[in-house]
N, C-alpha and C. Protein backbone atom coordinates (compact mmCIF):
# COMPACT_ATOMS: atom_id res chain seq x y z
N UNK A 1 0.78 -1.18 0.03
CA UNK A 1 0.02 -0.06 0.04
C UNK A 1 0.90 1.17 0.04
N UNK A 2 0.50 2.34 -0.75
CA UNK A 2 1.30 3.48 -0.85
C UNK A 2 1.26 4.16 0.58
N UNK A 3 2.37 4.87 0.89
CA UNK A 3 2.42 5.50 2.19
C UNK A 3 1.34 6.51 2.43
N UNK A 4 1.03 7.30 1.47
CA UNK A 4 0.00 8.25 1.66
C UNK A 4 -1.42 7.74 1.91
N UNK A 5 -1.69 6.60 1.15
CA UNK A 5 -2.98 5.90 1.40
C UNK A 5 -3.03 5.29 2.80
N UNK A 6 -1.83 4.71 3.17
CA UNK A 6 -1.66 3.95 4.58
C UNK A 6 -1.94 5.12 5.61
N UNK A 7 -1.29 6.30 5.44
CA UNK A 7 -1.42 7.24 6.54
C UNK A 7 -2.88 7.77 6.66
N UNK A 8 -3.58 7.90 5.54
CA UNK A 8 -4.88 8.30 5.43
C UNK A 8 -5.75 7.34 6.14
N UNK A 9 -5.44 5.95 5.88
CA UNK A 9 -6.24 4.93 6.44
C UNK A 9 -6.05 4.86 8.02
N UNK A 10 -4.80 5.13 8.32
CA UNK A 10 -4.45 5.11 9.83
C UNK A 10 -5.13 6.22 10.42
N UNK A 11 -5.21 7.37 9.94
CA UNK A 11 -5.80 8.61 10.51
C UNK A 11 -7.37 8.33 10.60
N UNK A 12 -7.93 7.73 9.63
CA UNK A 12 -9.40 7.43 9.52
C UNK A 12 -9.71 6.43 10.64
N UNK A 13 -8.95 5.37 10.80
CA UNK A 13 -9.18 4.27 11.76
C UNK A 13 -9.08 4.96 13.21
N UNK A 14 -8.09 5.58 13.48
CA UNK A 14 -7.91 6.25 14.80
C UNK A 14 -9.01 7.19 15.06
N UNK A 15 -9.52 7.97 14.12
CA UNK A 15 -10.56 8.97 14.35
C UNK A 15 -11.92 8.05 14.65
N UNK A 16 -12.08 6.93 13.97
CA UNK A 16 -13.21 6.17 14.19
C UNK A 16 -13.22 5.65 15.59
N UNK A 17 -12.13 5.09 16.10
CA UNK A 17 -12.02 4.64 17.44
C UNK A 17 -12.12 5.69 18.60
N UNK A 18 -11.59 6.81 18.19
CA UNK A 18 -11.69 7.93 19.24
C UNK A 18 -13.23 8.41 19.27
N UNK A 19 -13.88 8.45 18.21
CA UNK A 19 -15.31 8.91 18.08
C UNK A 19 -16.15 7.81 18.85
N UNK A 20 -15.70 6.51 18.56
CA UNK A 20 -16.54 5.46 19.24
C UNK A 20 -16.32 5.51 20.81
N UNK A 21 -15.17 5.72 21.37
CA UNK A 21 -15.04 5.75 22.70
C UNK A 21 -15.72 7.04 23.25
N UNK A 22 -15.80 8.08 22.57
CA UNK A 22 -16.56 9.24 22.99
C UNK A 22 -17.94 9.05 23.08
N UNK A 23 -18.43 8.40 22.08
CA UNK A 23 -19.89 8.05 22.00
C UNK A 23 -20.26 7.10 23.35
N UNK A 24 -19.39 6.20 23.52
CA UNK A 24 -19.55 5.22 24.59
C UNK A 24 -19.57 5.88 26.04
N UNK A 25 -18.69 6.92 26.01
CA UNK A 25 -18.53 7.63 27.32
C UNK A 25 -19.77 8.43 27.73
N UNK A 26 -20.57 8.72 26.71
CA UNK A 26 -21.74 9.51 26.98
C UNK A 26 -22.94 8.59 27.49
N UNK A 27 -22.64 7.31 27.29
CA UNK A 27 -23.65 6.26 27.67
C UNK A 27 -23.35 5.60 29.01
N UNK A 28 -22.04 5.41 29.33
CA UNK A 28 -21.71 4.70 30.58
C UNK A 28 -20.38 5.19 31.06
N UNK A 29 -20.00 4.85 32.27
CA UNK A 29 -18.75 5.29 32.93
C UNK A 29 -17.49 4.51 32.26
N UNK A 30 -16.44 5.19 32.26
CA UNK A 30 -15.16 4.81 31.60
C UNK A 30 -14.84 3.38 32.15
N UNK A 31 -14.81 3.20 33.42
CA UNK A 31 -14.44 1.96 33.96
C UNK A 31 -15.37 0.74 33.60
N UNK A 32 -16.50 1.07 33.05
CA UNK A 32 -17.36 -0.01 32.56
C UNK A 32 -17.34 -0.27 30.98
N UNK A 33 -16.45 0.42 30.41
CA UNK A 33 -16.23 0.20 29.00
C UNK A 33 -14.98 -0.62 28.70
N UNK A 34 -15.16 -1.56 27.80
CA UNK A 34 -14.13 -2.55 27.60
C UNK A 34 -13.72 -2.31 26.11
N UNK A 35 -12.49 -2.85 25.87
CA UNK A 35 -12.03 -2.83 24.43
C UNK A 35 -12.96 -3.54 23.57
N UNK A 36 -13.54 -4.55 24.13
CA UNK A 36 -14.57 -5.37 23.28
C UNK A 36 -15.68 -4.41 22.87
N UNK A 37 -16.18 -3.60 23.82
CA UNK A 37 -17.31 -2.75 23.53
C UNK A 37 -16.85 -1.68 22.44
N UNK A 38 -15.71 -1.41 22.53
CA UNK A 38 -15.23 -0.35 21.47
C UNK A 38 -15.12 -0.95 20.11
N UNK A 39 -14.60 -2.16 20.11
CA UNK A 39 -14.47 -2.71 18.63
C UNK A 39 -15.79 -3.17 18.06
N UNK A 40 -16.59 -3.54 18.99
CA UNK A 40 -17.97 -3.95 18.48
C UNK A 40 -18.74 -2.79 17.91
N UNK A 41 -18.67 -1.66 18.71
CA UNK A 41 -19.27 -0.51 18.19
C UNK A 41 -18.76 0.06 16.99
N UNK A 42 -17.35 0.04 16.89
CA UNK A 42 -16.68 0.64 15.72
C UNK A 42 -16.70 -0.36 14.55
N UNK A 43 -17.03 -1.57 14.84
CA UNK A 43 -17.07 -2.74 13.89
C UNK A 43 -15.66 -2.76 13.18
N UNK A 44 -14.61 -2.92 14.00
CA UNK A 44 -13.42 -3.24 13.58
C UNK A 44 -12.81 -4.52 14.34
N UNK A 45 -11.81 -5.24 13.79
CA UNK A 45 -11.21 -6.31 14.31
C UNK A 45 -10.45 -5.93 15.49
N UNK A 46 -10.37 -6.81 16.48
CA UNK A 46 -9.58 -6.72 17.71
C UNK A 46 -8.04 -6.32 17.28
N UNK A 47 -7.51 -7.12 16.30
CA UNK A 47 -6.22 -6.92 15.81
C UNK A 47 -5.94 -5.39 15.48
N UNK A 48 -7.09 -4.84 14.68
CA UNK A 48 -6.89 -3.54 14.16
C UNK A 48 -6.83 -2.56 15.27
N UNK A 49 -7.60 -2.70 16.33
CA UNK A 49 -7.45 -1.89 17.52
C UNK A 49 -6.12 -1.90 18.04
N UNK A 50 -5.53 -3.00 18.24
CA UNK A 50 -4.20 -3.19 18.92
C UNK A 50 -3.10 -2.73 17.93
N UNK A 51 -3.22 -2.55 16.77
CA UNK A 51 -2.35 -1.86 15.81
C UNK A 51 -2.10 -0.47 16.19
N UNK A 52 -3.20 0.19 16.57
CA UNK A 52 -3.19 1.58 16.81
C UNK A 52 -3.01 1.97 18.32
N UNK A 53 -3.57 1.06 19.21
CA UNK A 53 -3.62 1.48 20.57
C UNK A 53 -3.21 0.30 21.41
N UNK A 54 -2.56 0.67 22.61
CA UNK A 54 -2.16 -0.59 23.53
C UNK A 54 -3.49 -0.96 24.36
N UNK A 55 -4.28 -0.01 24.80
CA UNK A 55 -5.48 -0.36 25.60
C UNK A 55 -6.36 0.90 25.48
N UNK A 56 -7.52 0.87 26.20
CA UNK A 56 -8.43 2.00 26.12
C UNK A 56 -7.85 3.20 26.82
N UNK A 57 -6.92 3.10 27.73
CA UNK A 57 -6.28 4.15 28.39
C UNK A 57 -5.36 4.96 27.36
N UNK A 58 -4.76 4.24 26.40
CA UNK A 58 -3.95 4.74 25.39
C UNK A 58 -4.85 5.48 24.40
N UNK A 59 -6.04 4.86 24.10
CA UNK A 59 -7.02 5.54 23.32
C UNK A 59 -7.49 6.79 23.88
N UNK A 60 -7.63 6.94 25.14
CA UNK A 60 -8.11 8.18 25.81
C UNK A 60 -6.94 9.25 25.89
N UNK A 61 -5.85 8.84 26.48
CA UNK A 61 -4.74 9.79 26.82
C UNK A 61 -3.50 9.58 26.14
N UNK A 62 -3.21 8.57 25.26
CA UNK A 62 -2.00 8.25 24.58
C UNK A 62 -1.69 9.50 23.61
N UNK A 63 -0.51 9.26 22.89
CA UNK A 63 0.01 10.26 22.00
C UNK A 63 -1.08 10.41 20.73
N UNK A 64 -1.72 9.39 20.41
CA UNK A 64 -2.65 9.48 19.22
C UNK A 64 -4.07 9.28 19.85
N UNK A 65 -4.28 9.63 21.14
CA UNK A 65 -5.60 9.40 21.71
C UNK A 65 -6.44 10.62 21.64
N UNK A 66 -7.65 10.50 22.25
CA UNK A 66 -8.73 11.70 22.23
C UNK A 66 -8.10 12.94 22.80
N UNK A 67 -7.39 12.83 24.05
CA UNK A 67 -7.06 14.05 24.74
C UNK A 67 -5.87 14.71 24.10
N UNK A 68 -4.94 14.04 23.48
CA UNK A 68 -3.79 14.57 22.87
C UNK A 68 -3.93 14.89 21.36
N UNK A 69 -5.09 14.70 20.83
CA UNK A 69 -5.37 14.58 19.45
C UNK A 69 -4.79 15.87 18.70
N UNK A 70 -5.18 17.06 19.26
CA UNK A 70 -4.84 18.24 18.59
C UNK A 70 -3.78 19.14 19.39
N UNK A 71 -3.21 18.51 20.41
CA UNK A 71 -2.29 19.21 21.18
C UNK A 71 -1.01 19.81 20.44
N UNK A 72 -0.51 19.01 19.49
CA UNK A 72 0.59 19.37 18.70
C UNK A 72 0.24 20.52 17.82
N UNK A 73 -0.88 20.46 17.19
CA UNK A 73 -1.42 21.61 16.40
C UNK A 73 -1.56 22.88 17.26
N UNK A 74 -2.22 22.75 18.48
CA UNK A 74 -2.32 23.80 19.34
C UNK A 74 -1.00 24.52 19.70
N UNK A 75 0.05 23.59 19.97
CA UNK A 75 1.28 24.16 20.37
C UNK A 75 1.93 24.98 19.20
N UNK A 76 1.82 24.38 18.04
CA UNK A 76 2.47 25.06 16.83
C UNK A 76 1.75 26.35 16.63
N UNK A 77 0.53 26.50 16.79
CA UNK A 77 -0.41 27.68 16.37
C UNK A 77 -0.13 28.64 17.42
N UNK A 78 0.19 28.30 18.59
CA UNK A 78 0.12 29.37 19.53
C UNK A 78 1.46 29.83 20.15
N UNK A 79 2.56 28.94 19.94
CA UNK A 79 3.76 29.12 20.58
C UNK A 79 4.50 30.37 20.25
N UNK A 80 4.27 30.75 18.99
CA UNK A 80 5.05 31.89 18.50
C UNK A 80 4.18 33.24 18.60
N UNK A 81 2.97 33.19 19.30
CA UNK A 81 2.25 34.41 19.35
C UNK A 81 2.84 35.56 20.01
N UNK A 82 2.44 36.82 19.74
CA UNK A 82 3.12 37.90 20.29
C UNK A 82 2.54 37.92 21.82
N UNK A 83 3.46 38.25 22.58
CA UNK A 83 3.17 38.34 24.02
C UNK A 83 3.48 37.01 24.86
N UNK A 84 3.79 35.98 23.97
CA UNK A 84 4.15 34.64 24.65
C UNK A 84 5.55 34.86 25.41
N UNK A 85 5.73 34.35 26.51
CA UNK A 85 6.91 34.55 27.28
C UNK A 85 7.58 33.12 27.50
N UNK A 86 8.72 33.07 28.15
CA UNK A 86 9.39 31.82 28.45
C UNK A 86 8.54 30.93 29.26
N UNK A 87 7.67 31.60 30.13
CA UNK A 87 6.78 30.83 30.92
C UNK A 87 5.26 30.75 30.44
N UNK A 88 5.18 30.94 29.14
CA UNK A 88 3.77 31.13 28.58
C UNK A 88 2.97 29.76 28.74
N UNK A 89 1.79 29.96 29.38
CA UNK A 89 0.87 28.77 29.52
C UNK A 89 -0.33 28.84 28.62
N UNK A 90 -0.41 29.90 27.69
CA UNK A 90 -1.57 30.08 26.91
C UNK A 90 -1.95 28.82 26.07
N UNK A 91 -1.00 28.09 25.47
CA UNK A 91 -1.14 26.96 24.72
C UNK A 91 -2.01 26.01 25.46
N UNK A 92 -1.63 25.61 26.66
CA UNK A 92 -2.35 24.61 27.52
C UNK A 92 -3.77 24.97 27.76
N UNK A 93 -4.14 26.30 27.94
CA UNK A 93 -5.46 26.73 28.17
C UNK A 93 -6.29 26.77 26.85
N UNK A 94 -5.72 26.95 25.77
CA UNK A 94 -6.35 26.70 24.49
C UNK A 94 -6.72 25.36 24.35
N UNK A 95 -5.75 24.48 24.72
CA UNK A 95 -5.97 22.98 24.54
C UNK A 95 -7.12 22.50 25.43
N UNK A 96 -7.12 22.95 26.64
CA UNK A 96 -8.27 22.59 27.54
C UNK A 96 -9.52 23.12 27.02
N UNK A 97 -9.66 24.37 26.49
CA UNK A 97 -10.75 24.98 25.92
C UNK A 97 -11.22 24.10 24.86
N UNK A 98 -10.38 23.69 24.03
CA UNK A 98 -10.80 22.91 22.79
C UNK A 98 -11.35 21.43 23.16
N UNK A 99 -10.82 20.98 24.41
CA UNK A 99 -11.29 19.73 24.87
C UNK A 99 -12.46 19.85 25.93
N UNK A 100 -13.03 21.05 25.85
CA UNK A 100 -14.04 21.25 26.95
C UNK A 100 -15.18 20.29 26.89
N UNK A 101 -15.68 19.89 25.75
CA UNK A 101 -16.87 19.10 25.56
C UNK A 101 -16.53 17.67 26.06
N UNK A 102 -15.25 17.22 25.76
CA UNK A 102 -14.74 15.92 26.17
C UNK A 102 -14.69 15.85 27.64
N UNK A 103 -14.12 16.91 28.26
CA UNK A 103 -13.94 16.87 29.72
C UNK A 103 -15.18 16.96 30.44
N UNK A 104 -16.18 17.61 29.87
CA UNK A 104 -17.57 17.66 30.39
C UNK A 104 -18.15 16.21 30.57
N UNK A 105 -17.83 15.53 29.53
CA UNK A 105 -18.44 14.08 29.49
C UNK A 105 -17.81 13.20 30.54
N UNK A 106 -16.48 13.47 30.73
CA UNK A 106 -15.76 12.55 31.72
C UNK A 106 -15.52 13.21 32.98
N UNK A 107 -16.07 14.43 33.37
CA UNK A 107 -15.77 15.03 34.45
C UNK A 107 -16.02 14.41 35.90
N UNK A 108 -17.13 13.58 35.88
CA UNK A 108 -17.35 12.71 37.11
C UNK A 108 -16.92 11.35 36.87
N UNK A 109 -15.98 11.15 36.12
CA UNK A 109 -15.56 9.73 35.81
C UNK A 109 -14.06 9.60 36.24
N UNK A 110 -13.71 8.24 36.31
CA UNK A 110 -12.27 7.89 36.57
C UNK A 110 -11.38 8.35 35.43
N UNK A 111 -12.02 8.56 34.24
CA UNK A 111 -11.27 8.94 33.03
C UNK A 111 -10.72 10.43 33.24
N UNK A 112 -11.39 11.20 34.02
CA UNK A 112 -11.07 12.57 34.19
C UNK A 112 -9.63 12.69 34.99
N UNK A 113 -9.55 11.68 35.99
CA UNK A 113 -8.32 11.68 36.87
C UNK A 113 -7.11 11.20 35.89
N UNK A 114 -7.47 10.28 35.06
CA UNK A 114 -6.51 9.69 34.16
C UNK A 114 -6.02 10.85 33.23
N UNK A 115 -6.97 11.62 32.69
CA UNK A 115 -6.65 12.69 31.74
C UNK A 115 -5.85 13.73 32.31
N UNK A 116 -6.21 14.09 33.60
CA UNK A 116 -5.36 15.22 34.36
C UNK A 116 -3.94 14.71 34.70
N UNK A 117 -3.78 13.27 35.00
CA UNK A 117 -2.62 12.84 35.42
C UNK A 117 -1.65 12.84 34.19
N UNK A 118 -2.29 12.43 32.97
CA UNK A 118 -1.49 12.50 31.70
C UNK A 118 -1.12 13.78 31.40
N UNK A 119 -2.07 14.77 31.49
CA UNK A 119 -1.79 16.17 31.10
C UNK A 119 -0.71 16.66 31.98
N UNK A 120 -0.66 16.37 33.29
CA UNK A 120 0.43 16.90 34.12
C UNK A 120 1.84 16.38 33.66
N UNK A 121 1.95 15.09 33.32
CA UNK A 121 3.02 14.45 32.82
C UNK A 121 3.56 15.22 31.58
N UNK A 122 2.58 15.55 30.69
CA UNK A 122 3.04 16.08 29.40
C UNK A 122 3.51 17.59 29.68
N UNK A 123 2.80 18.29 30.63
CA UNK A 123 3.20 19.70 31.00
C UNK A 123 4.54 19.76 31.54
N UNK A 124 4.71 18.67 32.53
CA UNK A 124 6.08 18.61 33.20
C UNK A 124 7.15 18.54 32.27
N UNK A 125 7.02 17.55 31.31
CA UNK A 125 8.02 17.32 30.36
C UNK A 125 8.28 18.58 29.43
N UNK A 126 7.32 19.27 29.12
CA UNK A 126 7.36 20.45 28.28
C UNK A 126 7.99 21.53 29.07
N UNK A 127 7.58 21.78 30.29
CA UNK A 127 8.26 22.83 31.14
C UNK A 127 9.81 22.56 31.32
N UNK A 128 10.07 21.30 31.59
CA UNK A 128 11.45 20.88 31.72
C UNK A 128 12.32 21.17 30.68
N UNK A 129 11.77 20.79 29.42
CA UNK A 129 12.52 21.23 28.16
C UNK A 129 12.61 22.62 28.04
N UNK A 130 11.62 23.37 28.18
CA UNK A 130 11.64 24.77 27.95
C UNK A 130 12.52 25.52 29.00
N UNK A 131 12.61 25.07 30.16
CA UNK A 131 13.39 25.72 31.23
C UNK A 131 14.85 25.42 31.11
N UNK A 132 15.30 24.33 30.46
CA UNK A 132 16.66 24.03 30.43
C UNK A 132 17.54 25.14 29.72
N UNK A 133 16.93 25.91 28.77
CA UNK A 133 17.58 26.97 28.07
C UNK A 133 17.77 28.17 28.99
N UNK A 134 16.99 28.23 30.09
CA UNK A 134 17.01 29.42 30.95
C UNK A 134 17.76 29.09 32.31
N UNK A 135 18.07 27.79 32.49
CA UNK A 135 18.69 27.40 33.78
C UNK A 135 20.02 26.64 33.44
N UNK A 136 20.91 27.40 32.99
CA UNK A 136 22.34 26.84 32.73
C UNK A 136 23.20 26.74 33.91
N UNK A 137 23.01 27.56 34.90
CA UNK A 137 23.82 27.61 36.13
C UNK A 137 23.54 26.41 37.06
N UNK A 138 24.64 25.99 37.66
CA UNK A 138 24.43 24.94 38.74
C UNK A 138 24.25 25.60 40.13
N UNK A 139 24.41 26.79 40.19
CA UNK A 139 24.47 27.63 41.35
C UNK A 139 23.16 28.25 41.77
N UNK A 140 22.08 27.67 41.23
CA UNK A 140 20.80 28.34 41.61
C UNK A 140 20.49 28.04 43.04
N UNK A 141 19.79 28.95 43.74
CA UNK A 141 19.45 28.79 45.10
C UNK A 141 18.29 27.80 45.27
N UNK A 142 17.59 27.53 44.20
CA UNK A 142 16.49 26.56 44.16
C UNK A 142 16.75 25.54 43.19
N UNK A 143 16.69 24.25 43.60
CA UNK A 143 17.10 23.15 42.66
C UNK A 143 16.08 23.13 41.33
N UNK A 144 16.73 22.91 40.21
CA UNK A 144 16.11 22.92 38.94
C UNK A 144 14.83 22.06 38.96
N UNK A 145 14.88 20.80 39.46
CA UNK A 145 13.61 19.91 39.52
C UNK A 145 12.50 20.45 40.20
N UNK A 146 12.92 21.32 41.32
CA UNK A 146 11.85 21.81 42.23
C UNK A 146 11.12 22.92 41.32
N UNK A 147 11.92 23.76 40.60
CA UNK A 147 11.38 24.76 39.80
C UNK A 147 10.34 24.18 38.77
N UNK A 148 10.83 23.16 38.13
CA UNK A 148 9.98 22.46 37.08
C UNK A 148 8.58 21.94 37.74
N UNK A 149 8.81 21.31 38.82
CA UNK A 149 7.59 20.86 39.51
C UNK A 149 6.77 22.02 40.02
N UNK A 150 7.19 23.02 40.44
CA UNK A 150 6.52 24.26 40.89
C UNK A 150 5.64 24.78 39.76
N UNK A 151 6.33 24.98 38.55
CA UNK A 151 5.58 25.51 37.45
C UNK A 151 4.54 24.62 36.92
N UNK A 152 4.81 23.33 36.82
CA UNK A 152 3.86 22.36 36.26
C UNK A 152 2.72 22.29 37.28
N UNK A 153 2.96 22.20 38.59
CA UNK A 153 1.90 22.13 39.53
C UNK A 153 0.91 23.34 39.57
N UNK A 154 1.65 24.44 39.55
CA UNK A 154 0.82 25.67 39.45
C UNK A 154 -0.03 25.82 38.30
N UNK A 155 0.51 25.35 37.07
CA UNK A 155 -0.36 25.40 35.91
C UNK A 155 -1.48 24.40 36.01
N UNK A 156 -1.18 23.24 36.67
CA UNK A 156 -2.32 22.25 36.80
C UNK A 156 -3.40 22.78 37.74
N UNK A 157 -2.96 23.43 38.76
CA UNK A 157 -3.95 24.04 39.67
C UNK A 157 -4.77 25.05 38.99
N UNK A 158 -4.27 25.81 38.19
CA UNK A 158 -4.99 26.87 37.42
C UNK A 158 -5.94 26.23 36.41
N UNK A 159 -5.42 25.19 35.72
CA UNK A 159 -6.27 24.43 34.74
C UNK A 159 -7.49 23.84 35.42
N UNK A 160 -7.35 23.15 36.56
CA UNK A 160 -8.38 22.53 37.32
C UNK A 160 -9.42 23.54 37.69
N UNK A 161 -8.86 24.69 38.33
CA UNK A 161 -9.79 25.76 38.72
C UNK A 161 -10.55 26.27 37.61
N UNK A 162 -10.02 26.58 36.52
CA UNK A 162 -10.54 27.22 35.25
C UNK A 162 -11.71 26.20 34.81
N UNK A 163 -11.36 24.97 34.77
CA UNK A 163 -12.42 24.03 34.30
C UNK A 163 -13.60 23.89 35.22
N UNK A 164 -13.29 23.79 36.46
CA UNK A 164 -14.39 23.69 37.45
C UNK A 164 -15.25 24.97 37.67
N UNK A 165 -14.59 26.06 37.21
CA UNK A 165 -15.27 27.42 37.38
C UNK A 165 -16.03 27.65 36.11
N UNK A 166 -16.16 26.67 35.23
CA UNK A 166 -16.88 26.82 34.04
C UNK A 166 -16.13 27.70 32.85
N UNK A 167 -14.76 27.68 32.98
CA UNK A 167 -13.99 28.39 31.99
C UNK A 167 -14.56 29.89 31.64
N UNK A 168 -14.86 30.56 32.64
CA UNK A 168 -15.29 32.00 32.54
C UNK A 168 -14.25 32.90 31.89
N UNK A 169 -13.09 32.70 32.25
CA UNK A 169 -11.96 33.52 31.74
C UNK A 169 -11.41 33.07 30.42
N UNK A 170 -10.83 33.97 29.67
CA UNK A 170 -10.07 33.62 28.40
C UNK A 170 -8.76 32.92 28.64
N UNK A 171 -8.25 32.18 27.58
CA UNK A 171 -6.97 31.52 27.73
C UNK A 171 -5.98 32.62 28.07
N UNK A 172 -6.00 33.93 27.47
CA UNK A 172 -5.18 34.95 27.65
C UNK A 172 -5.13 35.44 29.18
N UNK A 173 -6.36 35.59 29.82
CA UNK A 173 -6.52 35.91 31.09
C UNK A 173 -5.97 34.96 32.09
N UNK A 174 -6.22 33.65 31.67
CA UNK A 174 -5.62 32.63 32.60
C UNK A 174 -4.03 32.57 32.52
N UNK A 175 -3.52 32.90 31.35
CA UNK A 175 -2.05 32.95 31.15
C UNK A 175 -1.57 34.06 31.96
N UNK A 176 -2.34 35.27 32.10
CA UNK A 176 -1.92 36.39 32.75
C UNK A 176 -1.81 36.08 34.27
N UNK A 177 -2.79 35.37 34.83
CA UNK A 177 -2.83 34.91 36.21
C UNK A 177 -1.56 33.98 36.41
N UNK A 178 -1.29 33.11 35.57
CA UNK A 178 -0.08 32.24 35.66
C UNK A 178 1.24 33.08 35.71
N UNK A 179 1.26 34.06 34.85
CA UNK A 179 2.46 34.88 34.83
C UNK A 179 2.68 35.63 36.17
N UNK A 180 1.59 36.28 36.53
CA UNK A 180 1.61 36.91 37.96
C UNK A 180 2.12 35.97 39.11
N UNK A 181 1.63 34.79 39.08
CA UNK A 181 2.04 33.81 40.17
C UNK A 181 3.39 33.37 40.06
N UNK A 182 3.91 33.19 38.91
CA UNK A 182 5.16 32.40 38.88
C UNK A 182 6.35 33.22 38.37
N UNK A 183 6.09 34.23 37.33
CA UNK A 183 7.25 34.82 36.87
C UNK A 183 8.13 35.64 37.74
N UNK A 184 7.69 36.49 38.73
CA UNK A 184 8.55 37.12 39.55
C UNK A 184 9.48 36.25 40.38
N UNK A 185 9.00 35.23 40.86
CA UNK A 185 9.76 34.24 41.73
C UNK A 185 10.76 33.46 40.95
N UNK A 186 10.39 32.99 39.86
CA UNK A 186 11.26 32.15 39.02
C UNK A 186 12.42 32.95 38.30
N UNK A 187 11.93 34.08 37.89
CA UNK A 187 13.01 35.00 37.32
C UNK A 187 13.97 35.50 38.33
N UNK A 188 13.61 35.75 39.64
CA UNK A 188 14.57 36.17 40.49
C UNK A 188 15.57 35.05 40.86
N UNK A 189 14.97 33.79 40.95
CA UNK A 189 16.09 32.69 41.04
C UNK A 189 17.05 32.60 39.91
N UNK A 190 16.42 32.68 38.71
CA UNK A 190 17.40 32.55 37.47
C UNK A 190 18.32 33.72 37.41
N UNK A 191 17.90 35.00 37.71
CA UNK A 191 18.76 36.11 37.69
C UNK A 191 19.84 36.04 38.74
N UNK A 192 19.38 35.57 39.94
CA UNK A 192 20.30 35.31 41.01
C UNK A 192 21.48 34.51 40.66
N UNK A 193 21.09 33.38 40.06
CA UNK A 193 22.16 32.36 39.50
C UNK A 193 23.05 32.94 38.57
N UNK A 194 22.59 33.73 37.70
CA UNK A 194 23.32 34.43 36.63
C UNK A 194 24.45 35.44 37.39
N UNK A 195 23.89 36.22 38.31
CA UNK A 195 24.76 37.02 38.95
C UNK A 195 25.91 36.40 39.69
N UNK A 196 25.54 35.22 40.32
CA UNK A 196 26.53 34.34 41.09
C UNK A 196 27.61 33.94 40.16
N UNK A 197 27.35 33.70 38.91
CA UNK A 197 28.36 33.12 37.99
C UNK A 197 29.27 34.12 37.45
N UNK A 198 29.02 35.39 37.56
CA UNK A 198 29.73 36.45 37.08
C UNK A 198 30.98 36.74 38.04
């Protein structure tokens, strides 16, 4: 099969499986949904499911799952926006906003905990990668891993607040709150480390 046709077929199958799980989530709780339920509703072979996903958790929160489906596009679209800073969180709020309907479906389900845990891991890795360029010194008064955890956990706290509050604020406003909370403290640590190295 030609690569382009194979890619199109792969995307189509994954979309079918994602849509099927979403439809099932509207009918019953996540823990009561099995892979068998998904493949029967989607009318695909069990082997087809496992070509694309390890299990239903992977289908929900994996790199090609429901929750991460458009994250790469969101990050590309918003990362270079005017006003974005080294600690910009805007992309994550856009992503949560885009996933609002899905999150409403799983809000009272064990799937929500899994989604938030997965998101925290993704954010942690992203923050860690982004901060490395700003934290070259070994003489920082606050350990680098602690700074990363602080930024990731603060962002997760704001995301959870925003969602449970009905997402009344814009992603830009939420990013502004994040900046106010974290930028002064983290910048002071980074600047202090730079001064110590001179």
